[in-house]
C-alpha atoms as a PDB file:
ATOM      1  CA  MET A   1     -19.668  35.690  47.862  1.00  0.00           C
ATOM      2  CA  ASP A   2     -19.598  36.749  44.249  1.00  0.00           C
ATOM      3  CA  SER A   3     -18.911  40.315  43.283  1.00  0.00           C
ATOM      4  CA  GLY A   4     -19.002  41.435  39.721  1.00  0.00           C
ATOM      5  CA  PRO A   5     -19.182  39.519  36.477  1.00  0.00           C
ATOM      6  CA  ALA A   6     -17.733  36.084  36.018  1.00  0.00           C
ATOM      7  CA  ALA A   7     -14.315  35.777  34.486  1.00  0.00           C
ATOM      8  CA  SER A   8     -14.828  34.310  31.077  1.00  0.00           C
ATOM      9  CA  GLY A   9     -11.990  32.527  29.413  1.00  0.00           C
ATOM     10  CA  THR A  10     -11.499  31.613  25.831  1.00  0.00           C
ATOM     11  CA  ALA A  11     -11.117  27.992  24.920  1.00  0.00           C
ATOM     12  CA  PHE A  12      -7.555  26.972  24.062  1.00  0.00           C
ATOM     13  CA  ALA A  13      -8.662  25.472  20.752  1.00  0.00           C
ATOM     14  CA  PRO A  14     -12.379  26.175  20.235  1.00  0.00           C
ATOM     15  CA  ASP A  15     -12.240  24.770  16.682  1.00  0.00           C
ATOM     16  CA  PHE A  16     -10.652  21.473  17.723  1.00  0.00           C
ATOM     17  CA  PRO A  17     -12.716  18.898  15.773  1.00  0.00           C
ATOM     18  CA  GLU A  18     -15.692  17.377  17.560  1.00  0.00           C
ATOM     19  CA  GLY A  19     -15.348  13.643  17.875  1.00  0.00           C
ATOM     20  CA  THR A  20     -11.559  13.894  18.092  1.00  0.00           C
ATOM     21  CA  GLU A  21     -10.594  12.293  21.365  1.00  0.00           C
ATOM     22  CA  GLY A  22      -7.547  14.403  22.134  1.00  0.00           C
ATOM     23  CA  LEU A  23      -4.438  16.238  21.040  1.00  0.00           C
ATOM     24  CA  PRO A  24      -1.257  14.167  21.442  1.00  0.00           C
ATOM     25  CA  LEU A  25       2.054  15.669  22.483  1.00  0.00           C
ATOM     26  CA  PRO A  26       3.459  17.192  19.284  1.00  0.00           C
ATOM     27  CA  PRO A  27       6.953  16.422  17.972  1.00  0.00           C
ATOM     28  CA  PHE A  28       9.568  18.153  20.104  1.00  0.00           C
ATOM     29  CA  GLU A  29      10.671  20.333  17.178  1.00  0.00           C
ATOM     30  CA  VAL A  30       7.144  21.785  17.119  1.00  0.00           C
ATOM     31  CA  LEU A  31       6.887  21.950  20.893  1.00  0.00           C
ATOM     32  CA  ARG A  32      10.135  23.938  21.117  1.00  0.00           C
ATOM     33  CA  GLU A  33       8.463  26.669  19.057  1.00  0.00           C
ATOM     34  CA  GLN A  34       5.759  26.989  21.730  1.00  0.00           C
ATOM     35  CA  ALA A  35       7.593  26.347  25.012  1.00  0.00           C
ATOM     36  CA  SER A  36      11.130  26.076  26.305  1.00  0.00           C
ATOM     37  CA  THR A  37      12.592  22.593  26.629  1.00  0.00           C
ATOM     38  CA  GLU A  38      15.651  23.957  28.433  1.00  0.00           C
ATOM     39  CA  GLY A  39      17.210  21.392  30.742  1.00  0.00           C
ATOM     40  CA  LEU A  40      15.633  18.398  29.012  1.00  0.00           C
ATOM     41  CA  GLY A  41      18.187  15.971  27.613  1.00  0.00           C
ATOM     42  CA  THR A  42      17.480  13.227  25.098  1.00  0.00           C
ATOM     43  CA  GLY A  43      16.763  10.574  27.751  1.00  0.00           C
ATOM     44  CA  VAL A  44      14.336  12.812  29.608  1.00  0.00           C
ATOM     45  CA  LEU A  45      12.554  13.750  26.391  1.00  0.00           C
ATOM     46  CA  GLU A  46      12.185  10.071  25.486  1.00  0.00           C
ATOM     47  CA  CYS A  47      10.689   9.354  28.920  1.00  0.00           C
ATOM     48  CA  PHE A  48       8.417  12.400  28.583  1.00  0.00           C
ATOM     49  CA  ARG A  49       7.201  11.110  25.206  1.00  0.00           C
ATOM     50  CA  THR A  50       6.409   7.613  26.530  1.00  0.00           C
ATOM     51  CA  ARG A  51       4.465   8.983  29.517  1.00  0.00           C
ATOM     52  CA  ALA A  52       2.596  11.771  27.727  1.00  0.00           C
ATOM     53  CA  VAL A  53      -1.155  11.452  27.321  1.00  0.00           C
ATOM     54  CA  PRO A  54      -3.290  13.429  24.863  1.00  0.00           C
ATOM     55  CA  GLU A  55      -4.962  16.650  25.995  1.00  0.00           C
ATOM     56  CA  PRO A  56      -8.675  15.740  26.077  1.00  0.00           C
ATOM     57  CA  GLY A  57     -10.712  17.232  23.232  1.00  0.00           C
ATOM     58  CA  PRO A  58     -13.424  18.717  25.487  1.00  0.00           C
ATOM     59  CA  VAL A  59     -10.767  20.514  27.541  1.00  0.00           C
ATOM     60  CA  LEU A  60      -9.426  22.107  24.376  1.00  0.00           C
ATOM     61  CA  ARG A  61     -12.856  23.167  23.091  1.00  0.00           C
ATOM     62  CA  GLN A  62     -14.492  24.505  26.265  1.00  0.00           C
ATOM     63  CA  SER A  63     -13.776  27.753  28.076  1.00  0.00           C
ATOM     64  CA  VAL A  64     -13.616  28.067  31.850  1.00  0.00           C
ATOM     65  CA  GLU A  65     -16.160  30.269  33.589  1.00  0.00           C
ATOM     66  CA  LEU A  66     -15.161  31.498  37.052  1.00  0.00           C
ATOM     67  CA  ALA A  67     -17.634  33.400  39.203  1.00  0.00           C
ATOM     68  CA  ASN A  68     -16.515  33.321  42.844  1.00  0.00           C
ATOM     69  CA  ASP A  69     -14.248  36.293  43.557  1.00  0.00           C
ATOM     70  CA  GLU A  70     -13.044  34.664  46.774  1.00  0.00           C
ATOM     71  CA  ARG A  71     -10.539  32.903  44.522  1.00  0.00           C
ATOM     72  CA  PHE A  72      -8.488  36.101  44.563  1.00  0.00           C
ATOM     73  CA  ASP A  73      -7.874  35.652  48.314  1.00  0.00           C
ATOM     74  CA  VAL A  74      -6.373  32.164  47.968  1.00  0.00           C
ATOM     75  CA  PRO A  75      -2.609  32.286  48.614  1.00  0.00           C
ATOM     76  CA  THR A  76      -0.999  31.833  45.211  1.00  0.00           C
ATOM     77  CA  THR A  77       2.584  31.183  44.190  1.00  0.00           C
ATOM     78  CA  PHE A  78       3.908  31.449  40.669  1.00  0.00           C
ATOM     79  CA  VAL A  79       6.946  29.231  40.137  1.00  0.00           C
ATOM     80  CA  CYS A  80       8.580  31.162  37.302  1.00  0.00           C
ATOM     81  CA  CYS A  81      10.531  28.844  35.032  1.00  0.00           C
ATOM     82  CA  SER A  82      10.326  29.836  31.381  1.00  0.00           C
ATOM     83  CA  MET A  83      10.481  33.522  32.206  1.00  0.00           C
ATOM     84  CA  PRO A  84      11.860  35.363  35.231  1.00  0.00           C
ATOM     85  CA  SER A  85       9.440  36.683  37.831  1.00  0.00           C
ATOM     86  CA  ALA A  86      10.305  40.295  36.941  1.00  0.00           C
ATOM     87  CA  GLN A  87       9.067  39.720  33.388  1.00  0.00           C
ATOM     88  CA  LEU A  88       5.920  37.953  34.616  1.00  0.00           C
ATOM     89  CA  ARG A  89       5.167  40.853  36.974  1.00  0.00           C
ATOM     90  CA  GLU A  90       5.559  43.297  34.072  1.00  0.00           C
ATOM     91  CA  LEU A  91       3.045  41.299  32.033  1.00  0.00           C
ATOM     92  CA  VAL A  92       0.613  41.239  34.963  1.00  0.00           C
ATOM     93  CA  THR A  93       0.996  44.991  35.524  1.00  0.00           C
ATOM     94  CA  ALA A  94       0.544  45.692  31.814  1.00  0.00           C
ATOM     95  CA  GLY A  95      -2.716  43.713  31.835  1.00  0.00           C
ATOM     96  CA  HIS A  96      -1.554  41.076  29.343  1.00  0.00           C
ATOM     97  CA  PRO A  97      -4.625  38.924  28.570  1.00  0.00           C
ATOM     98  CA  MET A  98      -2.822  35.706  29.506  1.00  0.00           C
ATOM     99  CA  PHE A  99      -2.318  37.068  33.030  1.00  0.00           C
ATOM    100  CA  ALA A 100      -5.439  39.220  33.422  1.00  0.00           C
ATOM    101  CA  GLU A 101      -6.716  37.324  36.456  1.00  0.00           C
ATOM    102  CA  ALA A 102      -3.271  37.341  38.117  1.00  0.00           C
ATOM    103  CA  GLY A 103      -3.489  41.102  38.522  1.00  0.00           C
ATOM    104  CA  ARG A 104      -6.482  40.629  40.825  1.00  0.00           C
ATOM    105  CA  LEU A 105      -4.761  38.232  43.243  1.00  0.00           C
ATOM    106  CA  ARG A 106      -4.473  39.700  46.733  1.00  0.00           C
ATOM    107  CA  ASN A 107      -1.996  37.213  48.229  1.00  0.00           C
ATOM    108  CA  VAL A 108       0.604  36.340  45.606  1.00  0.00           C
ATOM    109  CA  GLU A 109       4.250  35.330  45.686  1.00  0.00           C
ATOM    110  CA  TYR A 110       6.711  34.778  42.839  1.00  0.00           C
ATOM    111  CA  VAL A 111       9.562  32.255  43.000  1.00  0.00           C
ATOM    112  CA  ASP A 112      12.214  31.993  40.293  1.00  0.00           C
ATOM    113  CA  LEU A 113      13.317  28.550  39.118  1.00  0.00           C
ATOM    114  CA  PRO A 114      15.282  29.189  35.919  1.00  0.00           C
ATOM    115  CA  THR A 115      14.683  26.299  33.534  1.00  0.00           C
ATOM    116  CA  GLY A 116      12.269  25.413  30.766  1.00  0.00           C
ATOM    117  CA  HIS A 117       8.506  24.972  30.776  1.00  0.00           C
ATOM    118  CA  TRP A 118       8.602  21.570  32.492  1.00  0.00           C
ATOM    119  CA  PRO A 119      10.543  21.910  35.774  1.00  0.00           C
ATOM    120  CA  MET A 120       9.105  18.589  36.932  1.00  0.00           C
ATOM    121  CA  TRP A 121      11.347  17.036  34.259  1.00  0.00           C
ATOM    122  CA  SER A 122      14.323  19.413  34.177  1.00  0.00           C
ATOM    123  CA  ARG A 123      14.722  20.307  37.885  1.00  0.00           C
ATOM    124  CA  PRO A 124      12.455  17.958  39.857  1.00  0.00           C
ATOM    125  CA  ALA A 125      14.349  18.136  43.163  1.00  0.00           C
ATOM    126  CA  ASP A 126      14.403  21.939  43.128  1.00  0.00           C
ATOM    127  CA  LEU A 127      10.712  22.097  42.275  1.00  0.00           C
ATOM    128  CA  ALA A 128       9.907  19.608  45.044  1.00  0.00           C
ATOM    129  CA  ARG A 129      11.817  21.740  47.578  1.00  0.00           C
ATOM    130  CA  ILE A 130       9.880  24.845  46.535  1.00  0.00           C
ATOM    131  CA  LEU A 131       6.538  23.061  46.750  1.00  0.00           C
ATOM    132  CA  ALA A 132       7.403  21.423  50.064  1.00  0.00           C
ATOM    133  CA  GLY A 133       8.354  24.827  51.458  1.00  0.00           C
ATOM    134  CA  LEU A 134       5.032  26.259  50.358  1.00  0.00           C
ATOM    135  CA  SER A 135       3.106  23.411  51.958  1.00  0.00           C
ATOM    136  CA  THR A 136       4.718  24.068  55.341  1.00  0.00           C
ATOM    137  CA  ALA A 137       4.661  27.884  55.205  1.00  0.00           C
ATOM    138  CA  SER A 138       2.260  29.520  57.601  1.00  0.00           C
END
């Protein structure tokens, strides 16, 4: 059941040119300015580059509209990699726009996994253990 107005997001790149199929993975020097590549050696980065696919243009241009407030009851776990959970909680509490919806979650857990933005590349076994534990938790 819906209660209240829909959450309205802002598109990631609303001005991304129409007709442009997608945004490819930028050079790693540029990417490092936007997200941590901690734990990613040269070989892993090369593999990452060969497997990367462009972010679809429509995904970049369109915002997400969420209306069903039952989403706040879904058990949610933040696997905190690029920043510790304490810092993420502070941002949620402060109402930071990037985490505005997180402050409304009613069943949330935070797990620290210190590494960069891509734990599936830098600490895959540790991430798999966390996710497997979540899937079997009751």
